[in-house]
N, C-alpha and C. Protein backbone atom coordinates (compact mmCIF):
# COMPACT_ATOMS: atom_id res chain seq x y z
N UNK A 1 -34.37 -20.79 -14.11
CA UNK A 1 -33.16 -20.22 -13.55
C UNK A 1 -33.20 -18.70 -13.61
N UNK A 2 -33.69 -18.18 -14.70
CA UNK A 2 -33.79 -16.75 -14.88
C UNK A 2 -34.75 -16.13 -13.86
N UNK A 3 -35.87 -16.81 -13.59
CA UNK A 3 -36.84 -16.35 -12.62
C UNK A 3 -36.25 -16.34 -11.21
N UNK A 4 -35.43 -17.32 -10.91
CA UNK A 4 -34.79 -17.39 -9.60
C UNK A 4 -33.82 -16.21 -9.43
N UNK A 5 -33.08 -15.89 -10.50
CA UNK A 5 -32.14 -14.77 -10.45
C UNK A 5 -32.90 -13.45 -10.26
N UNK A 6 -34.02 -13.28 -10.89
CA UNK A 6 -34.85 -12.07 -10.76
C UNK A 6 -35.37 -11.96 -9.33
N UNK A 7 -35.83 -13.07 -8.77
CA UNK A 7 -36.33 -13.08 -7.39
C UNK A 7 -35.22 -12.69 -6.40
N UNK A 8 -34.03 -13.23 -6.59
CA UNK A 8 -32.90 -12.91 -5.71
C UNK A 8 -32.54 -11.44 -5.84
N UNK A 9 -32.52 -10.93 -7.06
CA UNK A 9 -32.21 -9.52 -7.28
C UNK A 9 -33.26 -8.63 -6.63
N UNK A 10 -34.53 -8.99 -6.81
CA UNK A 10 -35.62 -8.22 -6.22
C UNK A 10 -35.54 -8.25 -4.69
N UNK A 11 -35.29 -9.42 -4.13
CA UNK A 11 -35.19 -9.57 -2.69
C UNK A 11 -34.01 -8.76 -2.13
N UNK A 12 -32.88 -8.83 -2.81
CA UNK A 12 -31.69 -8.07 -2.39
C UNK A 12 -31.99 -6.57 -2.44
N UNK A 13 -32.60 -6.10 -3.50
CA UNK A 13 -32.94 -4.68 -3.63
C UNK A 13 -33.94 -4.27 -2.55
N UNK A 14 -34.89 -5.13 -2.29
CA UNK A 14 -35.91 -4.85 -1.27
C UNK A 14 -35.27 -4.74 0.11
N UNK A 15 -34.28 -5.59 0.41
CA UNK A 15 -33.62 -5.55 1.70
C UNK A 15 -32.62 -4.40 1.81
N UNK A 16 -31.98 -4.02 0.73
CA UNK A 16 -30.97 -2.96 0.77
C UNK A 16 -31.57 -1.57 0.63
N UNK A 17 -32.75 -1.45 0.04
CA UNK A 17 -33.38 -0.14 -0.16
C UNK A 17 -33.52 0.64 1.15
N UNK A 18 -34.03 0.03 2.23
CA UNK A 18 -34.12 0.80 3.47
C UNK A 18 -32.76 1.31 3.97
N UNK A 19 -31.70 0.53 3.74
CA UNK A 19 -30.37 0.97 4.16
C UNK A 19 -29.95 2.23 3.41
N UNK A 20 -30.25 2.26 2.11
CA UNK A 20 -29.90 3.44 1.33
C UNK A 20 -30.73 4.65 1.76
N UNK A 21 -31.98 4.41 2.05
CA UNK A 21 -32.85 5.50 2.48
C UNK A 21 -32.41 6.04 3.84
N UNK A 22 -32.07 5.16 4.75
CA UNK A 22 -31.63 5.57 6.08
C UNK A 22 -30.30 6.30 5.98
N UNK A 23 -29.46 5.91 5.08
CA UNK A 23 -28.15 6.53 4.92
C UNK A 23 -28.26 8.01 4.58
N UNK A 24 -29.37 8.45 4.05
CA UNK A 24 -29.56 9.85 3.71
C UNK A 24 -30.21 10.65 4.82
N UNK A 25 -30.66 9.99 5.86
CA UNK A 25 -31.27 10.67 6.99
C UNK A 25 -30.22 11.06 8.02
N UNK A 26 -30.46 12.16 8.68
CA UNK A 26 -29.56 12.63 9.73
C UNK A 26 -30.20 12.26 11.07
N UNK A 27 -29.47 11.47 11.86
CA UNK A 27 -30.01 10.93 13.10
C UNK A 27 -29.15 11.37 14.27
N UNK A 28 -29.81 11.78 15.35
CA UNK A 28 -29.11 12.16 16.58
C UNK A 28 -29.81 11.55 17.78
N UNK A 29 -29.25 11.80 18.94
CA UNK A 29 -29.86 11.29 20.18
C UNK A 29 -29.60 12.26 21.31
N UNK A 30 -30.42 12.17 22.34
CA UNK A 30 -30.20 12.92 23.57
C UNK A 30 -30.23 11.94 24.74
N UNK A 31 -29.59 12.31 25.81
CA UNK A 31 -29.63 11.53 27.05
C UNK A 31 -30.66 12.21 27.96
N UNK A 32 -31.88 11.72 27.93
CA UNK A 32 -32.96 12.37 28.68
C UNK A 32 -32.70 12.35 30.19
N UNK A 33 -32.03 11.32 30.68
CA UNK A 33 -31.70 11.27 32.11
C UNK A 33 -30.77 12.42 32.47
N UNK A 34 -29.87 12.74 31.57
CA UNK A 34 -28.96 13.86 31.82
C UNK A 34 -29.71 15.19 31.76
N UNK A 35 -30.65 15.31 30.84
CA UNK A 35 -31.47 16.51 30.76
C UNK A 35 -32.26 16.67 32.06
N UNK A 36 -32.83 15.58 32.52
CA UNK A 36 -33.60 15.60 33.76
C UNK A 36 -32.71 15.99 34.95
N UNK A 37 -31.48 15.53 34.96
CA UNK A 37 -30.57 15.81 36.07
C UNK A 37 -29.99 17.22 36.00
N UNK A 38 -29.80 17.75 34.80
CA UNK A 38 -29.08 19.02 34.66
C UNK A 38 -29.97 20.23 34.40
N UNK A 39 -31.19 20.02 33.95
CA UNK A 39 -32.07 21.16 33.70
C UNK A 39 -32.68 21.61 35.02
N UNK A 40 -32.45 22.85 35.37
CA UNK A 40 -32.81 23.38 36.68
C UNK A 40 -34.30 23.26 36.99
N UNK A 41 -35.14 23.41 36.00
CA UNK A 41 -36.58 23.35 36.26
C UNK A 41 -37.03 21.97 36.75
N UNK A 42 -36.36 20.91 36.30
CA UNK A 42 -36.68 19.58 36.82
C UNK A 42 -36.34 19.51 38.30
N UNK A 43 -35.19 20.06 38.66
CA UNK A 43 -34.76 20.04 40.07
C UNK A 43 -35.69 20.90 40.93
N UNK A 44 -36.09 22.06 40.41
CA UNK A 44 -37.01 22.93 41.14
C UNK A 44 -38.35 22.24 41.35
N UNK A 45 -38.84 21.58 40.32
CA UNK A 45 -40.12 20.87 40.43
C UNK A 45 -40.02 19.75 41.46
N UNK A 46 -38.91 19.02 41.43
CA UNK A 46 -38.72 17.94 42.39
C UNK A 46 -38.67 18.48 43.82
N UNK A 47 -37.97 19.60 44.01
CA UNK A 47 -37.90 20.22 45.34
C UNK A 47 -39.28 20.67 45.82
N UNK A 48 -40.04 21.26 44.91
CA UNK A 48 -41.38 21.72 45.27
C UNK A 48 -42.28 20.55 45.66
N UNK A 49 -42.19 19.47 44.90
CA UNK A 49 -42.99 18.29 45.22
C UNK A 49 -42.58 17.69 46.56
N UNK A 50 -41.28 17.69 46.85
CA UNK A 50 -40.81 17.17 48.15
C UNK A 50 -41.34 18.02 49.30
N UNK A 51 -41.33 19.35 49.12
CA UNK A 51 -41.89 20.24 50.15
C UNK A 51 -43.37 19.97 50.36
N UNK A 52 -44.11 19.84 49.28
CA UNK A 52 -45.54 19.57 49.37
C UNK A 52 -45.79 18.22 50.06
N UNK A 53 -44.98 17.23 49.72
CA UNK A 53 -45.14 15.91 50.31
C UNK A 53 -44.87 15.96 51.82
N UNK A 54 -43.80 16.68 52.20
CA UNK A 54 -43.50 16.80 53.64
C UNK A 54 -44.63 17.50 54.39
N UNK A 55 -45.21 18.52 53.77
CA UNK A 55 -46.32 19.23 54.41
C UNK A 55 -47.51 18.29 54.62
N UNK A 56 -47.81 17.51 53.61
CA UNK A 56 -48.90 16.54 53.72
C UNK A 56 -48.59 15.51 54.81
N UNK A 57 -47.33 15.04 54.85
CA UNK A 57 -46.93 14.08 55.87
C UNK A 57 -47.10 14.66 57.28
N UNK A 58 -46.71 15.92 57.45
CA UNK A 58 -46.86 16.55 58.76
C UNK A 58 -48.32 16.66 59.16
N UNK A 59 -49.18 17.09 58.23
CA UNK A 59 -50.61 17.18 58.51
C UNK A 59 -51.19 15.81 58.84
N UNK A 60 -50.75 14.81 58.11
CA UNK A 60 -51.21 13.44 58.34
C UNK A 60 -50.79 12.97 59.74
N UNK A 61 -49.55 13.27 60.11
CA UNK A 61 -49.05 12.86 61.43
C UNK A 61 -49.84 13.54 62.55
N UNK A 62 -50.20 14.81 62.39
CA UNK A 62 -51.00 15.52 63.39
C UNK A 62 -52.36 14.82 63.53
N UNK A 63 -52.97 14.50 62.42
CA UNK A 63 -54.27 13.82 62.47
C UNK A 63 -54.13 12.44 63.10
N UNK A 64 -53.04 11.75 62.83
CA UNK A 64 -52.80 10.42 63.39
C UNK A 64 -52.61 10.48 64.90
N UNK A 65 -51.88 11.48 65.36
CA UNK A 65 -51.67 11.65 66.81
C UNK A 65 -53.00 11.95 67.50
N UNK A 66 -53.82 12.79 66.89
CA UNK A 66 -55.15 13.09 67.45
C UNK A 66 -55.98 11.82 67.56
N UNK A 67 -55.95 11.01 66.53
CA UNK A 67 -56.71 9.76 66.53
C UNK A 67 -56.19 8.81 67.61
N UNK A 68 -54.87 8.68 67.71
CA UNK A 68 -54.29 7.80 68.72
C UNK A 68 -54.64 8.25 70.14
N UNK A 69 -54.57 9.56 70.38
CA UNK A 69 -54.90 10.05 71.73
C UNK A 69 -56.38 9.83 72.03
N UNK A 70 -57.23 9.98 71.04
CA UNK A 70 -58.66 9.72 71.22
C UNK A 70 -58.90 8.24 71.54
N UNK A 71 -58.19 7.35 70.84
CA UNK A 71 -58.32 5.92 71.10
C UNK A 71 -57.81 5.57 72.49
N UNK A 72 -56.71 6.15 72.91
CA UNK A 72 -56.17 5.88 74.24
C UNK A 72 -57.13 6.36 75.32
N UNK A 73 -57.68 7.55 75.14
CA UNK A 73 -58.65 8.08 76.11
C UNK A 73 -59.87 7.17 76.17
N UNK A 74 -60.29 6.69 75.05
CA UNK A 74 -61.44 5.78 75.02
C UNK A 74 -61.13 4.50 75.78
N UNK A 75 -59.96 3.92 75.54
CA UNK A 75 -59.59 2.66 76.20
C UNK A 75 -59.47 2.82 77.71
N UNK A 76 -58.93 3.94 78.17
CA UNK A 76 -58.77 4.11 79.62
C UNK A 76 -60.11 4.37 80.31
N UNK A 77 -61.06 4.94 79.61
CA UNK A 77 -62.35 5.29 80.23
C UNK A 77 -63.49 4.36 79.83
N UNK A 78 -63.23 3.43 78.98
CA UNK A 78 -64.27 2.58 78.41
C UNK A 78 -65.03 1.79 79.47
N UNK A 79 -64.31 1.16 80.37
CA UNK A 79 -64.96 0.29 81.36
C UNK A 79 -65.78 1.05 82.37
N UNK A 80 -65.42 2.29 82.63
CA UNK A 80 -66.13 3.07 83.66
C UNK A 80 -67.19 3.99 83.05
N UNK A 81 -67.43 3.89 81.77
CA UNK A 81 -68.34 4.83 81.11
C UNK A 81 -69.65 4.17 80.72
N UNK A 82 -70.61 5.02 80.47
CA UNK A 82 -71.94 4.54 80.08
C UNK A 82 -71.92 4.03 78.65
N UNK A 83 -72.86 3.18 78.30
CA UNK A 83 -72.94 2.67 76.92
C UNK A 83 -73.13 3.81 75.90
N UNK A 84 -73.87 4.86 76.29
CA UNK A 84 -74.08 5.99 75.37
C UNK A 84 -72.75 6.70 75.09
N UNK A 85 -71.95 6.91 76.13
CA UNK A 85 -70.65 7.57 75.97
C UNK A 85 -69.74 6.73 75.08
N UNK A 86 -69.72 5.40 75.34
CA UNK A 86 -68.89 4.51 74.52
C UNK A 86 -69.32 4.57 73.06
N UNK A 87 -70.62 4.52 72.82
CA UNK A 87 -71.15 4.57 71.45
C UNK A 87 -70.74 5.88 70.78
N UNK A 88 -70.84 6.99 71.51
CA UNK A 88 -70.48 8.30 70.98
C UNK A 88 -68.98 8.35 70.63
N UNK A 89 -68.15 7.84 71.49
CA UNK A 89 -66.70 7.85 71.26
C UNK A 89 -66.31 6.90 70.13
N UNK A 90 -66.96 5.75 70.05
CA UNK A 90 -66.68 4.82 68.95
C UNK A 90 -67.05 5.45 67.61
N UNK A 91 -68.16 6.17 67.59
CA UNK A 91 -68.57 6.89 66.38
C UNK A 91 -67.54 7.96 66.02
N UNK A 92 -67.10 8.71 67.04
CA UNK A 92 -66.11 9.76 66.82
C UNK A 92 -64.79 9.17 66.30
N UNK A 93 -64.38 8.05 66.87
CA UNK A 93 -63.15 7.39 66.41
C UNK A 93 -63.32 6.91 64.97
N UNK A 94 -64.44 6.32 64.66
CA UNK A 94 -64.72 5.85 63.30
C UNK A 94 -64.71 7.00 62.30
N UNK A 95 -65.29 8.11 62.69
CA UNK A 95 -65.33 9.29 61.82
C UNK A 95 -63.92 9.82 61.57
N UNK A 96 -63.11 9.89 62.63
CA UNK A 96 -61.72 10.37 62.48
C UNK A 96 -60.90 9.41 61.61
N UNK A 97 -61.10 8.12 61.79
CA UNK A 97 -60.39 7.15 60.94
C UNK A 97 -60.77 7.32 59.48
N UNK A 98 -62.06 7.53 59.25
CA UNK A 98 -62.55 7.72 57.88
C UNK A 98 -61.97 9.00 57.28
N UNK A 99 -61.94 10.09 58.07
CA UNK A 99 -61.36 11.35 57.59
C UNK A 99 -59.88 11.18 57.26
N UNK A 100 -59.18 10.41 58.08
CA UNK A 100 -57.76 10.17 57.86
C UNK A 100 -57.53 9.44 56.54
N UNK A 101 -58.34 8.42 56.29
CA UNK A 101 -58.24 7.69 55.03
C UNK A 101 -58.59 8.57 53.84
N UNK A 102 -59.64 9.38 53.99
CA UNK A 102 -60.03 10.28 52.91
C UNK A 102 -58.94 11.31 52.64
N UNK A 103 -58.35 11.84 53.71
CA UNK A 103 -57.28 12.82 53.56
C UNK A 103 -56.11 12.20 52.79
N UNK A 104 -55.74 11.01 53.19
CA UNK A 104 -54.62 10.34 52.53
C UNK A 104 -54.93 10.10 51.05
N UNK A 105 -56.13 9.63 50.75
CA UNK A 105 -56.51 9.39 49.35
C UNK A 105 -56.58 10.70 48.57
N UNK A 106 -57.09 11.74 49.20
CA UNK A 106 -57.23 13.04 48.55
C UNK A 106 -55.88 13.66 48.25
N UNK A 107 -54.90 13.44 49.10
CA UNK A 107 -53.60 14.09 48.93
C UNK A 107 -52.59 13.23 48.15
N UNK A 108 -52.43 11.95 48.51
CA UNK A 108 -51.37 11.16 47.92
C UNK A 108 -51.84 9.92 47.16
N UNK A 109 -53.12 9.72 47.06
CA UNK A 109 -53.62 8.56 46.32
C UNK A 109 -53.44 8.73 44.82
N UNK A 110 -53.81 7.71 44.06
CA UNK A 110 -53.63 7.76 42.61
C UNK A 110 -54.44 8.89 41.95
N UNK A 111 -55.46 9.36 42.58
CA UNK A 111 -56.24 10.49 42.09
C UNK A 111 -56.00 11.72 42.95
N UNK A 112 -55.00 11.67 43.82
CA UNK A 112 -54.76 12.73 44.79
C UNK A 112 -54.11 13.97 44.22
N UNK A 113 -54.11 15.01 45.04
CA UNK A 113 -53.58 16.31 44.63
C UNK A 113 -52.10 16.24 44.26
N UNK A 114 -51.32 15.56 45.07
CA UNK A 114 -49.88 15.50 44.79
C UNK A 114 -49.60 14.74 43.50
N UNK A 115 -50.32 13.69 43.25
CA UNK A 115 -50.15 12.93 42.02
C UNK A 115 -50.51 13.79 40.81
N UNK A 116 -51.63 14.51 40.92
CA UNK A 116 -52.05 15.39 39.82
C UNK A 116 -51.03 16.51 39.60
N UNK A 117 -50.55 17.07 40.70
CA UNK A 117 -49.57 18.15 40.59
C UNK A 117 -48.28 17.63 39.94
N UNK A 118 -47.83 16.46 40.35
CA UNK A 118 -46.63 15.87 39.76
C UNK A 118 -46.84 15.62 38.27
N UNK A 119 -47.97 15.07 37.90
CA UNK A 119 -48.27 14.79 36.50
C UNK A 119 -48.30 16.08 35.68
N UNK A 120 -48.91 17.11 36.23
CA UNK A 120 -49.00 18.39 35.53
C UNK A 120 -47.61 19.00 35.35
N UNK A 121 -46.80 18.99 36.41
CA UNK A 121 -45.45 19.54 36.31
C UNK A 121 -44.62 18.77 35.30
N UNK A 122 -44.73 17.45 35.33
CA UNK A 122 -43.97 16.63 34.41
C UNK A 122 -44.41 16.87 32.97
N UNK A 123 -45.70 17.00 32.76
CA UNK A 123 -46.21 17.27 31.42
C UNK A 123 -45.66 18.60 30.89
N UNK A 124 -45.70 19.63 31.75
CA UNK A 124 -45.20 20.95 31.34
C UNK A 124 -43.71 20.90 31.01
N UNK A 125 -42.93 20.22 31.84
CA UNK A 125 -41.49 20.13 31.61
C UNK A 125 -41.17 19.31 30.36
N UNK A 126 -41.86 18.20 30.18
CA UNK A 126 -41.62 17.38 29.00
C UNK A 126 -42.06 18.09 27.72
N UNK A 127 -43.07 18.94 27.83
CA UNK A 127 -43.47 19.75 26.68
C UNK A 127 -42.36 20.73 26.31
N UNK A 128 -41.72 21.31 27.31
CA UNK A 128 -40.60 22.22 27.06
C UNK A 128 -39.44 21.46 26.41
N UNK A 129 -39.17 20.26 26.90
CA UNK A 129 -38.09 19.45 26.33
C UNK A 129 -38.42 19.12 24.87
N UNK A 130 -39.66 18.78 24.61
CA UNK A 130 -40.08 18.45 23.23
C UNK A 130 -39.88 19.64 22.31
N UNK A 131 -40.24 20.84 22.76
CA UNK A 131 -40.05 22.04 21.95
C UNK A 131 -38.56 22.27 21.70
N UNK A 132 -37.74 22.10 22.74
CA UNK A 132 -36.29 22.27 22.59
C UNK A 132 -35.72 21.26 21.61
N UNK A 133 -36.14 20.01 21.70
CA UNK A 133 -35.68 18.97 20.78
C UNK A 133 -36.10 19.31 19.35
N UNK A 134 -37.34 19.74 19.19
CA UNK A 134 -37.82 20.14 17.86
C UNK A 134 -36.98 21.29 17.30
N UNK A 135 -36.69 22.28 18.14
CA UNK A 135 -35.89 23.43 17.68
C UNK A 135 -34.49 23.00 17.26
N UNK A 136 -33.87 22.11 18.05
CA UNK A 136 -32.54 21.62 17.70
C UNK A 136 -32.60 20.82 16.40
N UNK A 137 -33.59 19.97 16.27
CA UNK A 137 -33.72 19.15 15.06
C UNK A 137 -33.89 20.02 13.82
N UNK A 138 -34.72 21.02 13.93
CA UNK A 138 -34.98 21.89 12.78
C UNK A 138 -33.74 22.73 12.46
N UNK A 139 -33.15 23.34 13.48
CA UNK A 139 -32.02 24.23 13.23
C UNK A 139 -30.78 23.51 12.73
N UNK A 140 -30.61 22.24 13.11
CA UNK A 140 -29.42 21.49 12.71
C UNK A 140 -29.70 20.48 11.60
N UNK A 141 -30.95 20.44 11.14
CA UNK A 141 -31.29 19.58 10.01
C UNK A 141 -31.37 18.10 10.31
N UNK A 142 -31.79 17.74 11.52
CA UNK A 142 -31.91 16.32 11.87
C UNK A 142 -33.28 15.80 11.47
N UNK A 143 -33.29 14.56 10.97
CA UNK A 143 -34.54 13.91 10.60
C UNK A 143 -35.14 13.16 11.78
N UNK A 144 -34.26 12.60 12.61
CA UNK A 144 -34.70 11.81 13.77
C UNK A 144 -33.80 12.15 14.96
N UNK A 145 -34.42 12.26 16.12
CA UNK A 145 -33.66 12.38 17.37
C UNK A 145 -34.28 11.37 18.33
N UNK A 146 -33.45 10.47 18.81
CA UNK A 146 -33.91 9.42 19.72
C UNK A 146 -33.51 9.74 21.15
N UNK A 147 -34.21 9.10 22.08
CA UNK A 147 -33.86 9.20 23.49
C UNK A 147 -32.84 8.12 23.79
N UNK A 148 -31.60 8.51 23.95
CA UNK A 148 -30.53 7.56 24.21
C UNK A 148 -30.61 6.91 25.57
N UNK A 149 -31.33 7.50 26.50
CA UNK A 149 -31.44 6.92 27.84
C UNK A 149 -32.31 5.68 27.85
N UNK A 150 -33.13 5.52 26.82
CA UNK A 150 -34.08 4.42 26.80
C UNK A 150 -33.48 3.15 26.21
N UNK A 151 -32.88 3.26 25.02
CA UNK A 151 -32.46 2.01 24.39
C UNK A 151 -31.17 2.11 23.58
N UNK A 152 -30.47 3.20 23.67
CA UNK A 152 -29.26 3.35 22.88
C UNK A 152 -28.12 2.56 23.51
N UNK A 153 -27.55 1.67 22.75
CA UNK A 153 -26.42 0.89 23.24
C UNK A 153 -25.10 1.57 22.89
N UNK A 154 -25.08 2.24 21.76
CA UNK A 154 -23.91 3.00 21.37
C UNK A 154 -24.34 4.12 20.43
N UNK A 155 -23.71 5.25 20.58
CA UNK A 155 -23.92 6.36 19.67
C UNK A 155 -22.65 7.20 19.61
N UNK A 156 -22.30 7.61 18.43
CA UNK A 156 -21.13 8.46 18.29
C UNK A 156 -21.37 9.75 19.07
N UNK A 157 -20.38 10.18 19.82
CA UNK A 157 -20.56 11.42 20.58
C UNK A 157 -20.90 12.62 19.70
N UNK A 158 -20.52 12.59 18.44
CA UNK A 158 -20.86 13.70 17.55
C UNK A 158 -22.36 13.78 17.27
N UNK A 159 -23.08 12.69 17.54
CA UNK A 159 -24.53 12.69 17.32
C UNK A 159 -25.30 12.95 18.62
N UNK A 160 -24.58 13.15 19.71
CA UNK A 160 -25.22 13.44 21.00
C UNK A 160 -25.62 14.91 21.03
N UNK A 161 -26.91 15.17 21.09
CA UNK A 161 -27.44 16.53 21.05
C UNK A 161 -27.90 17.02 22.41
N UNK A 162 -27.52 16.31 23.47
CA UNK A 162 -27.98 16.66 24.81
C UNK A 162 -27.58 18.08 25.19
N UNK A 163 -26.33 18.46 24.93
CA UNK A 163 -25.89 19.81 25.27
C UNK A 163 -26.69 20.87 24.49
N UNK A 164 -26.97 20.58 23.25
CA UNK A 164 -27.76 21.51 22.43
C UNK A 164 -29.17 21.68 22.99
N UNK A 165 -29.77 20.57 23.42
CA UNK A 165 -31.12 20.63 23.98
C UNK A 165 -31.11 21.38 25.31
N UNK A 166 -30.11 21.12 26.15
CA UNK A 166 -30.00 21.86 27.42
C UNK A 166 -29.81 23.35 27.17
N UNK A 167 -28.99 23.69 26.18
CA UNK A 167 -28.80 25.10 25.83
C UNK A 167 -30.12 25.72 25.39
N UNK A 168 -30.85 25.00 24.56
CA UNK A 168 -32.14 25.50 24.06
C UNK A 168 -33.14 25.68 25.20
N UNK A 169 -33.15 24.74 26.14
CA UNK A 169 -34.06 24.86 27.29
C UNK A 169 -33.70 26.07 28.15
N UNK A 170 -32.43 26.27 28.38
CA UNK A 170 -32.00 27.41 29.21
C UNK A 170 -32.26 28.73 28.48
N UNK A 171 -32.09 28.72 27.18
CA UNK A 171 -32.35 29.92 26.38
C UNK A 171 -33.84 30.26 26.44
N UNK A 172 -34.68 29.25 26.35
CA UNK A 172 -36.13 29.48 26.40
C UNK A 172 -36.56 29.95 27.78
N UNK A 173 -35.88 29.45 28.82
CA UNK A 173 -36.22 29.86 30.19
C UNK A 173 -35.89 31.33 30.40
N UNK A 174 -34.82 31.80 29.75
CA UNK A 174 -34.40 33.19 29.87
C UNK A 174 -35.38 34.17 29.22
N UNK A 175 -36.22 33.67 28.30
CA UNK A 175 -37.17 34.56 27.60
C UNK A 175 -38.33 34.92 28.45
């Protein structure tokens, strides 16, 4: 009986110990979606990417129109042309189709310029957010700061540090 009581006491202490330890930690959260929506650099980066994407789309459309007109010219003249001319035009059409696919992959594919540019911009911005979060945590004595946009179901508004992080980001931008 005594051993059972010791086991229950040990188990209770083992389960309650983390609660006591957590009770001494200072925890806050930020709404990253709000940071993304309200921090001007995110909006500027998004605008720049949209401009770049539109430029690529326009260039792609020009190449597509050229290819279509070449195909139409080939179809209208195919029956009245020599086999050598047809072979030459088919090769030219194939080459233009291949260039179009390469252009698309080079610009918007998973290894494309726009994807790399987006990844680089996002990395730079998230690095700035991380620095701002670290500065807020250190200056206000927080042990943990969570991203409330990901999994927070409820948080006291007094623990919401989003405004502090936005202030820190804007202050750093001014430097």
